Amino acid sequence: MLPKLPPTRELIADRRYGSARFHVGLAAKGIEPCILSTRSRKRPVPHDATLYRQRHRIEVMFGRLRDWRRSAMRHDRCAHTFFSAITLAR
């Protein structure tokens, strides 16, 4: 069973989620998309530029998770090195 997510008003996403079908699905749920239009669109979809700039925080978080993948996958054989990596990751 999936956890119940809190209601949302806006969705910040990358260009790859900029299809018309995705926009229509979000609008049906009452969510305003903040997605930069693809360059190939004839009529660009407007978006909130200041809100879209906040997307970098999410990208940085995923980058940090990728950096610390070795500790999540337990690539460090020695317990001391593993503990050190966890301590630094916090």
PDB file of N, CA and C in Angstrom:
ATOM      1  N   MET A   1       0.839  -1.181   0.000  1.00  0.00           N
ATOM      2  CA  MET A   1       0.000   0.000   0.000  1.00  0.00           C
ATOM      3  C   MET A   1       0.885   1.245   0.000  1.00  0.00           C
ATOM      4  N   LEU A   2       0.600   2.171  -0.874  1.00  0.00           N
ATOM      5  CA  LEU A   2       1.382   3.399  -0.975  1.00  0.00           C
ATOM      6  C   LEU A   2       0.988   4.378   0.115  1.00  0.00           C
ATOM      7  N   PRO A   3       1.955   5.159   0.610  1.00  0.00           N
ATOM      8  CA  PRO A   3       1.612   6.156   1.624  1.00  0.00           C
ATOM      9  C   PRO A   3       0.775   7.263   1.019  1.00  0.00           C
ATOM     10  N   LYS A   4      -0.100   7.823   1.804  1.00  0.00           N
ATOM     11  CA  LYS A   4      -0.948   8.910   1.325  1.00  0.00           C
ATOM     12  C   LYS A   4      -0.120  10.189   1.281  1.00  0.00           C
ATOM     13  N   LEU A   5      -0.053  10.779   0.114  1.00  0.00           N
ATOM     14  CA  LEU A   5       0.728  11.997  -0.069  1.00  0.00           C
ATOM     15  C   LEU A   5      -0.123  13.220   0.242  1.00  0.00           C
ATOM     16  N   PRO A   6       0.499  14.279   0.722  1.00  0.00           N
ATOM     17  CA  PRO A   6      -0.268  15.494   1.000  1.00  0.00           C
ATOM     18  C   PRO A   6      -0.748  16.122  -0.305  1.00  0.00           C
ATOM     19  N   PRO A   7      -1.832  16.860  -0.248  1.00  0.00           N
ATOM     20  CA  PRO A   7      -2.324  17.511  -1.474  1.00  0.00           C
ATOM     21  C   PRO A   7      -1.302  18.524  -1.984  1.00  0.00           C
ATOM     22  N   THR A   8      -1.237  18.658  -3.286  1.00  0.00           N
ATOM     23  CA  THR A   8      -0.266  19.577  -3.882  1.00  0.00           C
ATOM     24  C   THR A   8      -0.975  20.531  -4.831  1.00  0.00           C
ATOM     25  N   ARG A   9      -0.398  21.705  -4.977  1.00  0.00           N
ATOM     26  CA  ARG A   9      -0.958  22.709  -5.883  1.00  0.00           C
ATOM     27  C   ARG A   9      -0.138  22.839  -7.151  1.00  0.00           C
ATOM     28  N   GLU A  10       1.179  22.606  -7.035  1.00  0.00           N
ATOM     29  CA  GLU A  10       2.076  22.806  -8.172  1.00  0.00           C
ATOM     30  C   GLU A  10       3.020  21.629  -8.310  1.00  0.00           C
ATOM     31  N   LEU A  11       3.453  21.392  -9.539  1.00  0.00           N
ATOM     32  CA  LEU A  11       4.430  20.344  -9.813  1.00  0.00           C
ATOM     33  C   LEU A  11       5.553  20.959 -10.629  1.00  0.00           C
ATOM     34  N   ILE A  12       6.762  20.873 -10.115  1.00  0.00           N
ATOM     35  CA  ILE A  12       7.935  21.362 -10.823  1.00  0.00           C
ATOM     36  C   ILE A  12       8.586  20.157 -11.489  1.00  0.00           C
ATOM     37  N   ALA A  13       8.746  20.219 -12.805  1.00  0.00           N
ATOM     38  CA  ALA A  13       9.297  19.070 -13.521  1.00  0.00           C
ATOM     39  C   ALA A  13      10.221  19.530 -14.636  1.00  0.00           C
ATOM     40  N   ASP A  14      10.949  18.575 -15.179  1.00  0.00           N
ATOM     41  CA  ASP A  14      11.893  18.805 -16.257  1.00  0.00           C
ATOM     42  C   ASP A  14      11.158  18.892 -17.596  1.00  0.00           C
ATOM     43  N   ARG A  15      11.854  19.303 -18.645  1.00  0.00           N
ATOM     44  CA  ARG A  15      11.259  19.430 -19.975  1.00  0.00           C
ATOM     45  C   ARG A  15      10.662  18.137 -20.505  1.00  0.00           C
ATOM     46  N   ARG A  16      11.243  17.013 -20.108  1.00  0.00           N
ATOM     47  CA  ARG A  16      10.765  15.737 -20.654  1.00  0.00           C
ATOM     48  C   ARG A  16       9.330  15.444 -20.246  1.00  0.00           C
ATOM     49  N   TYR A  17       8.818  16.119 -19.230  1.00  0.00           N
ATOM     50  CA  TYR A  17       7.429  15.951 -18.795  1.00  0.00           C
ATOM     51  C   TYR A  17       6.522  17.047 -19.350  1.00  0.00           C
ATOM     52  N   GLY A  18       6.949  17.708 -20.394  1.00  0.00           N
ATOM     53  CA  GLY A  18       6.206  18.838 -20.934  1.00  0.00           C
ATOM     54  C   GLY A  18       5.187  18.491 -21.996  1.00  0.00           C
ATOM     55  N   SER A  19       4.800  17.237 -22.125  1.00  0.00           N
ATOM     56  CA  SER A  19       3.837  16.876 -23.165  1.00  0.00           C
ATOM     57  C   SER A  19       2.445  17.387 -22.808  1.00  0.00           C
ATOM     58  N   ALA A  20       1.642  17.575 -23.833  1.00  0.00           N
ATOM     59  CA  ALA A  20       0.277  18.070 -23.633  1.00  0.00           C
ATOM     60  C   ALA A  20      -0.538  17.070 -22.816  1.00  0.00           C
ATOM     61  N   ARG A  21      -0.301  15.805 -23.038  1.00  0.00           N
ATOM     62  CA  ARG A  21      -1.024  14.760 -22.297  1.00  0.00           C
ATOM     63  C   ARG A  21      -0.728  14.849 -20.796  1.00  0.00           C
ATOM     64  N   PHE A  22       0.500  15.117 -20.457  1.00  0.00           N
ATOM     65  CA  PHE A  22       0.884  15.250 -19.052  1.00  0.00           C
ATOM     66  C   PHE A  22       0.241  16.487 -18.438  1.00  0.00           C
ATOM     67  N   HIS A  23       0.217  17.587 -19.176  1.00  0.00           N
ATOM     68  CA  HIS A  23      -0.406  18.826 -18.694  1.00  0.00           C
ATOM     69  C   HIS A  23      -1.894  18.631 -18.438  1.00  0.00           C
ATOM     70  N   VAL A  24      -2.561  17.931 -19.356  1.00  0.00           N
ATOM     71  CA  VAL A  24      -3.999  17.685 -19.206  1.00  0.00           C
ATOM     72  C   VAL A  24      -4.271  16.819 -17.983  1.00  0.00           C
ATOM     73  N   GLY A  25      -3.450  15.788 -17.763  1.00  0.00           N
ATOM     74  CA  GLY A  25      -3.619  14.930 -16.595  1.00  0.00           C
ATOM     75  C   GLY A  25      -3.440  15.676 -15.284  1.00  0.00           C
ATOM     76  N   LEU A  26      -2.473  16.578 -15.240  1.00  0.00           N
ATOM     77  CA  LEU A  26      -2.259  17.381 -14.035  1.00  0.00           C
ATOM     78  C   LEU A  26      -3.414  18.350 -13.805  1.00  0.00           C
ATOM     79  N   ALA A  27      -3.887  18.955 -14.880  1.00  0.00           N
ATOM     80  CA  ALA A  27      -5.001  19.896 -14.760  1.00  0.00           C
ATOM     81  C   ALA A  27      -6.260  19.189 -14.260  1.00  0.00           C
ATOM     82  N   ALA A  28      -6.460  17.941 -14.666  1.00  0.00           N
ATOM     83  CA  ALA A  28      -7.626  17.177 -14.211  1.00  0.00           C
ATOM     84  C   ALA A  28      -7.581  16.933 -12.711  1.00  0.00           C
ATOM     85  N   LYS A  29      -6.376  16.875 -12.153  1.00  0.00           N
ATOM     86  CA  LYS A  29      -6.223  16.664 -10.709  1.00  0.00           C
ATOM     87  C   LYS A  29      -6.117  17.975  -9.939  1.00  0.00           C
ATOM     88  N   GLY A  30      -6.194  19.092 -10.640  1.00  0.00           N
ATOM     89  CA  GLY A  30      -6.123  20.395  -9.988  1.00  0.00           C
ATOM     90  C   GLY A  30      -4.717  20.832  -9.644  1.00  0.00           C
ATOM     91  N   ILE A  31      -3.726  20.293 -10.357  1.00  0.00           N
ATOM     92  CA  ILE A  31      -2.328  20.629 -10.112  1.00  0.00           C
ATOM     93  C   ILE A  31      -1.827  21.521 -11.239  1.00  0.00           C
ATOM     94  N   GLU A  32      -1.211  22.630 -10.880  1.00  0.00           N
ATOM     95  CA  GLU A  32      -0.658  23.533 -11.880  1.00  0.00           C
ATOM     96  C   GLU A  32       0.773  23.115 -12.207  1.00  0.00           C
ATOM     97  N   PRO A  33       1.048  22.763 -13.471  1.00  0.00           N
ATOM     98  CA  PRO A  33       2.410  22.346 -13.816  1.00  0.00           C
ATOM     99  C   PRO A  33       3.343  23.541 -13.988  1.00  0.00           C
ATOM    100  N   CYS A  34       4.543  23.392 -13.500  1.00  0.00           N
ATOM    101  CA  CYS A  34       5.599  24.379 -13.716  1.00  0.00           C
ATOM    102  C   CYS A  34       6.700  23.653 -14.485  1.00  0.00           C
ATOM    103  N   ILE A  35       6.472  23.526 -15.789  1.00  0.00           N
ATOM    104  CA  ILE A  35       7.356  22.753 -16.647  1.00  0.00           C
ATOM    105  C   ILE A  35       7.802  23.637 -17.797  1.00  0.00           C
ATOM    106  N   LEU A  36       9.096  23.705 -18.005  1.00  0.00           N
ATOM    107  CA  LEU A  36       9.649  24.471 -19.108  1.00  0.00           C
ATOM    108  C   LEU A  36       9.260  23.805 -20.422  1.00  0.00           C
ATOM    109  N   SER A  37       8.812  24.570 -21.394  1.00  0.00           N
ATOM    110  CA  SER A  37       8.388  24.015 -22.679  1.00  0.00           C
ATOM    111  C   SER A  37       9.569  23.470 -23.468  1.00  0.00           C
ATOM    112  N   THR A  38       9.312  22.438 -24.250  1.00  0.00           N
ATOM    113  CA  THR A  38      10.352  21.914 -25.124  1.00  0.00           C
ATOM    114  C   THR A  38      10.593  22.907 -26.256  1.00  0.00           C
ATOM    115  N   ARG A  39      11.746  22.841 -26.829  1.00  0.00           N
ATOM    116  CA  ARG A  39      12.097  23.791 -27.890  1.00  0.00           C
ATOM    117  C   ARG A  39      11.305  23.547 -29.164  1.00  0.00           C
ATOM    118  N   SER A  40      10.814  22.333 -29.326  1.00  0.00           N
ATOM    119  CA  SER A  40      10.089  22.000 -30.551  1.00  0.00           C
ATOM    120  C   SER A  40       8.618  22.404 -30.513  1.00  0.00           C
ATOM    121  N   ARG A  41       8.125  22.906 -29.389  1.00  0.00           N
ATOM    122  CA  ARG A  41       6.724  23.322 -29.297  1.00  0.00           C
ATOM    123  C   ARG A  41       6.487  24.576 -30.108  1.00  0.00           C
ATOM    124  N   LYS A  42       5.408  24.582 -30.866  1.00  0.00           N
ATOM    125  CA  LYS A  42       5.092  25.769 -31.680  1.00  0.00           C
ATOM    126  C   LYS A  42       4.636  26.927 -30.802  1.00  0.00           C
ATOM    127  N   ARG A  43       3.795  26.611 -29.808  1.00  0.00           N
ATOM    128  CA  ARG A  43       3.337  27.634 -28.867  1.00  0.00           C
ATOM    129  C   ARG A  43       3.815  27.249 -27.470  1.00  0.00           C
ATOM    130  N   PRO A  44       4.810  27.939 -26.950  1.00  0.00           N
ATOM    131  CA  PRO A  44       5.328  27.589 -25.620  1.00  0.00           C
ATOM    132  C   PRO A  44       4.266  27.729 -24.528  1.00  0.00           C
ATOM    133  N   VAL A  45       4.292  26.825 -23.579  1.00  0.00           N
ATOM    134  CA  VAL A  45       3.377  26.867 -22.443  1.00  0.00           C
ATOM    135  C   VAL A  45       3.998  27.769 -21.384  1.00  0.00           C
ATOM    136  N   PRO A  46       3.260  28.742 -20.865  1.00  0.00           N
ATOM    137  CA  PRO A  46       3.838  29.636 -19.856  1.00  0.00           C
ATOM    138  C   PRO A  46       4.106  28.880 -18.550  1.00  0.00           C
ATOM    139  N   HIS A  47       5.133  29.321 -17.844  1.00  0.00           N
ATOM    140  CA  HIS A  47       5.489  28.736 -16.553  1.00  0.00           C
ATOM    141  C   HIS A  47       6.025  29.824 -15.639  1.00  0.00           C
ATOM    142  N   ASP A  48       6.040  29.545 -14.358  1.00  0.00           N
ATOM    143  CA  ASP A  48       6.556  30.487 -13.359  1.00  0.00           C
ATOM    144  C   ASP A  48       8.071  30.309 -13.266  1.00  0.00           C
ATOM    145  N   ALA A  49       8.823  31.273 -13.768  1.00  0.00           N
ATOM    146  CA  ALA A  49      10.286  31.156 -13.835  1.00  0.00           C
ATOM    147  C   ALA A  49      10.919  31.116 -12.449  1.00  0.00           C
ATOM    148  N   THR A  50      10.397  31.883 -11.496  1.00  0.00           N
ATOM    149  CA  THR A  50      10.988  31.882 -10.152  1.00  0.00           C
ATOM    150  C   THR A  50      10.758  30.547  -9.451  1.00  0.00           C
ATOM    151  N   LEU A  51       9.612  29.947  -9.654  1.00  0.00           N
ATOM    152  CA  LEU A  51       9.341  28.632  -9.067  1.00  0.00           C
ATOM    153  C   LEU A  51      10.181  27.561  -9.745  1.00  0.00           C
ATOM    154  N   TYR A  52      10.366  27.663 -11.045  1.00  0.00           N
ATOM    155  CA  TYR A  52      11.147  26.666 -11.782  1.00  0.00           C
ATOM    156  C   TYR A  52      12.608  26.669 -11.343  1.00  0.00           C
ATOM    157  N   ARG A  53      13.120  27.828 -10.939  1.00  0.00           N
ATOM    158  CA  ARG A  53      14.500  27.912 -10.473  1.00  0.00           C
ATOM    159  C   ARG A  53      14.730  27.134  -9.175  1.00  0.00           C
ATOM    160  N   GLN A  54      13.663  26.863  -8.427  1.00  0.00           N
ATOM    161  CA  GLN A  54      13.777  26.106  -7.183  1.00  0.00           C
ATOM    162  C   GLN A  54      14.059  24.624  -7.437  1.00  0.00           C
ATOM    163  N   ARG A  55      13.926  24.182  -8.679  1.00  0.00           N
ATOM    164  CA  ARG A  55      14.131  22.784  -9.031  1.00  0.00           C
ATOM    165  C   ARG A  55      15.560  22.337  -8.757  1.00  0.00           C
ATOM    166  N   HIS A  56      16.497  23.265  -8.740  1.00  0.00           N
ATOM    167  CA  HIS A  56      17.892  22.894  -8.522  1.00  0.00           C
ATOM    168  C   HIS A  56      18.109  22.248  -7.155  1.00  0.00           C
ATOM    169  N   ARG A  57      17.292  22.591  -6.177  1.00  0.00           N
ATOM    170  CA  ARG A  57      17.434  21.980  -4.846  1.00  0.00           C
ATOM    171  C   ARG A  57      17.183  20.470  -4.908  1.00  0.00           C
ATOM    172  N   ILE A  58      16.199  20.088  -5.672  1.00  0.00           N
ATOM    173  CA  ILE A  58      15.889  18.668  -5.818  1.00  0.00           C
ATOM    174  C   ILE A  58      17.001  17.975  -6.586  1.00  0.00           C
ATOM    175  N   GLU A  59      17.502  18.615  -7.632  1.00  0.00           N
ATOM    176  CA  GLU A  59      18.581  18.026  -8.426  1.00  0.00           C
ATOM    177  C   GLU A  59      19.845  17.840  -7.582  1.00  0.00           C
ATOM    178  N   VAL A  60      20.154  18.802  -6.725  1.00  0.00           N
ATOM    179  CA  VAL A  60      21.326  18.704  -5.863  1.00  0.00           C
ATOM    180  C   VAL A  60      21.158  17.552  -4.878  1.00  0.00           C
ATOM    181  N   MET A  61      19.940  17.390  -4.330  1.00  0.00           N
ATOM    182  CA  MET A  61      19.700  16.303  -3.393  1.00  0.00           C
ATOM    183  C   MET A  61      19.925  14.944  -4.054  1.00  0.00           C
ATOM    184  N   PHE A  62      19.403  14.752  -5.276  1.00  0.00           N
ATOM    185  CA  PHE A  62      19.614  13.483  -5.966  1.00  0.00           C
ATOM    186  C   PHE A  62      21.080  13.277  -6.322  1.00  0.00           C
ATOM    187  N   GLY A  63      21.785  14.344  -6.622  1.00  0.00           N
ATOM    188  CA  GLY A  63      23.218  14.228  -6.871  1.00  0.00           C
ATOM    189  C   GLY A  63      23.969  13.752  -5.643  1.00  0.00           C
ATOM    190  N   ARG A  64      23.586  14.257  -4.484  1.00  0.00           N
ATOM    191  CA  ARG A  64      24.229  13.814  -3.243  1.00  0.00           C
ATOM    192  C   ARG A  64      23.928  12.354  -2.949  1.00  0.00           C
ATOM    193  N   LEU A  65      22.696  11.942  -3.233  1.00  0.00           N
ATOM    194  CA  LEU A  65      22.355  10.535  -3.027  1.00  0.00           C
ATOM    195  C   LEU A  65      23.185   9.631  -3.930  1.00  0.00           C
ATOM    196  N   ARG A  66      23.418  10.065  -5.150  1.00  0.00           N
ATOM    197  CA  ARG A  66      24.242   9.273  -6.064  1.00  0.00           C
ATOM    198  C   ARG A  66      25.695   9.214  -5.581  1.00  0.00           C
ATOM    199  N   ASP A  67      26.170  10.322  -5.028  1.00  0.00           N
ATOM    200  CA  ASP A  67      27.541  10.337  -4.516  1.00  0.00           C
ATOM    201  C   ASP A  67      27.727   9.354  -3.369  1.00  0.00           C
ATOM    202  N   TRP A  68      26.704   9.191  -2.552  1.00  0.00           N
ATOM    203  CA  TRP A  68      26.805   8.327  -1.387  1.00  0.00           C
ATOM    204  C   TRP A  68      26.210   6.948  -1.646  1.00  0.00           C
ATOM    205  N   ARG A  69      26.075   6.584  -2.893  1.00  0.00           N
ATOM    206  CA  ARG A  69      25.547   5.269  -3.241  1.00  0.00           C
ATOM    207  C   ARG A  69      26.434   4.159  -2.695  1.00  0.00           C
ATOM    208  N   ARG A  70      27.721   4.409  -2.654  1.00  0.00           N
ATOM    209  CA  ARG A  70      28.642   3.372  -2.174  1.00  0.00           C
ATOM    210  C   ARG A  70      28.341   2.980  -0.744  1.00  0.00           C
ATOM    211  N   SER A  71      27.940   3.939   0.078  1.00  0.00           N
ATOM    212  CA  SER A  71      27.614   3.576   1.454  1.00  0.00           C
ATOM    213  C   SER A  71      26.262   2.871   1.526  1.00  0.00           C
ATOM    214  N   ALA A  72      25.332   3.241   0.645  1.00  0.00           N
ATOM    215  CA  ALA A  72      24.030   2.570   0.636  1.00  0.00           C
ATOM    216  C   ALA A  72      24.159   1.135   0.134  1.00  0.00           C
ATOM    217  N   MET A  73      25.053   0.900  -0.809  1.00  0.00           N
ATOM    218  CA  MET A  73      25.240  -0.437  -1.358  1.00  0.00           C
ATOM    219  C   MET A  73      26.282  -1.237  -0.583  1.00  0.00           C
ATOM    220  N   ARG A  74      26.875  -0.610   0.400  1.00  0.00           N
ATOM    221  CA  ARG A  74      27.865  -1.241   1.273  1.00  0.00           C
ATOM    222  C   ARG A  74      29.069  -1.740   0.484  1.00  0.00           C
ATOM    223  N   HIS A  75      29.609  -0.855  -0.370  1.00  0.00           N
ATOM    224  CA  HIS A  75      30.801  -1.198  -1.136  1.00  0.00           C
ATOM    225  C   HIS A  75      32.044  -1.208  -0.254  1.00  0.00           C
ATOM    226  N   ASP A  76      31.969  -0.532   0.873  1.00  0.00           N
ATOM    227  CA  ASP A  76      33.112  -0.522   1.792  1.00  0.00           C
ATOM    228  C   ASP A  76      33.101  -1.813   2.596  1.00  0.00           C
ATOM    229  N   ARG A  77      34.163  -2.557   2.513  1.00  0.00           N
ATOM    230  CA  ARG A  77      34.232  -3.849   3.195  1.00  0.00           C
ATOM    231  C   ARG A  77      34.521  -3.690   4.689  1.00  0.00           C
ATOM    232  N   CYS A  78      35.337  -2.727   5.017  1.00  0.00           N
ATOM    233  CA  CYS A  78      35.739  -2.524   6.400  1.00  0.00           C
ATOM    234  C   CYS A  78      34.636  -1.747   7.143  1.00  0.00           C
ATOM    235  N   ALA A  79      34.273  -2.204   8.326  1.00  0.00           N
ATOM    236  CA  ALA A  79      33.219  -1.550   9.106  1.00  0.00           C
ATOM    237  C   ALA A  79      33.614  -0.121   9.477  1.00  0.00           C
ATOM    238  N   HIS A  80      34.902   0.098   9.743  1.00  0.00           N
ATOM    239  CA  HIS A  80      35.376   1.432  10.114  1.00  0.00           C
ATOM    240  C   HIS A  80      35.181   2.411   8.948  1.00  0.00           C
ATOM    241  N   THR A  81      35.517   2.007   7.735  1.00  0.00           N
ATOM    242  CA  THR A  81      35.357   2.862   6.557  1.00  0.00           C
ATOM    243  C   THR A  81      33.884   3.117   6.268  1.00  0.00           C
ATOM    244  N   PHE A  82      33.067   2.091   6.429  1.00  0.00           N
ATOM    245  CA  PHE A  82      31.621   2.237   6.217  1.00  0.00           C
ATOM    246  C   PHE A  82      31.040   3.247   7.197  1.00  0.00           C
ATOM    247  N   PHE A  83      31.396   3.151   8.462  1.00  0.00           N
ATOM    248  CA  PHE A  83      30.901   4.069   9.470  1.00  0.00           C
ATOM    249  C   PHE A  83      31.377   5.500   9.193  1.00  0.00           C
ATOM    250  N   SER A  84      32.603   5.641   8.722  1.00  0.00           N
ATOM    251  CA  SER A  84      33.135   6.960   8.396  1.00  0.00           C
ATOM    252  C   SER A  84      32.353   7.606   7.258  1.00  0.00           C
ATOM    253  N   ALA A  85      31.998   6.834   6.242  1.00  0.00           N
ATOM    254  CA  ALA A  85      31.237   7.351   5.110  1.00  0.00           C
ATOM    255  C   ALA A  85      29.843   7.780   5.549  1.00  0.00           C
ATOM    256  N   ILE A  86      29.227   7.009   6.431  1.00  0.00           N
ATOM    257  CA  ILE A  86      27.892   7.391   6.936  1.00  0.00           C
ATOM    258  C   ILE A  86      27.972   8.676   7.739  1.00  0.00           C
ATOM    259  N   THR A  87      29.002   8.802   8.541  1.00  0.00           N
ATOM    260  CA  THR A  87      29.173  10.000   9.358  1.00  0.00           C
ATOM    261  C   THR A  87      29.362  11.239   8.481  1.00  0.00           C
ATOM    262  N   LEU A  88      30.151  11.100   7.428  1.00  0.00           N
ATOM    263  CA  LEU A  88      30.380  12.229   6.516  1.00  0.00           C
ATOM    264  C   LEU A  88      29.128  12.565   5.712  1.00  0.00           C
ATOM    265  N   ALA A  89      28.313  11.578   5.399  1.00  0.00           N
ATOM    266  CA  ALA A  89      27.117  11.805   4.593  1.00  0.00           C
ATOM    267  C   ALA A  89      26.064  12.589   5.336  1.00  0.00           C
ATOM    268  N   ARG A  90      26.057  12.502   6.656  1.00  0.00           N
ATOM    269  CA  ARG A  90      25.031  13.217   7.432  1.00  0.00           C
ATOM    270  C   ARG A  90      25.260  14.653   7.327  1.00  0.00           C
TER     271      ARG A  90
END
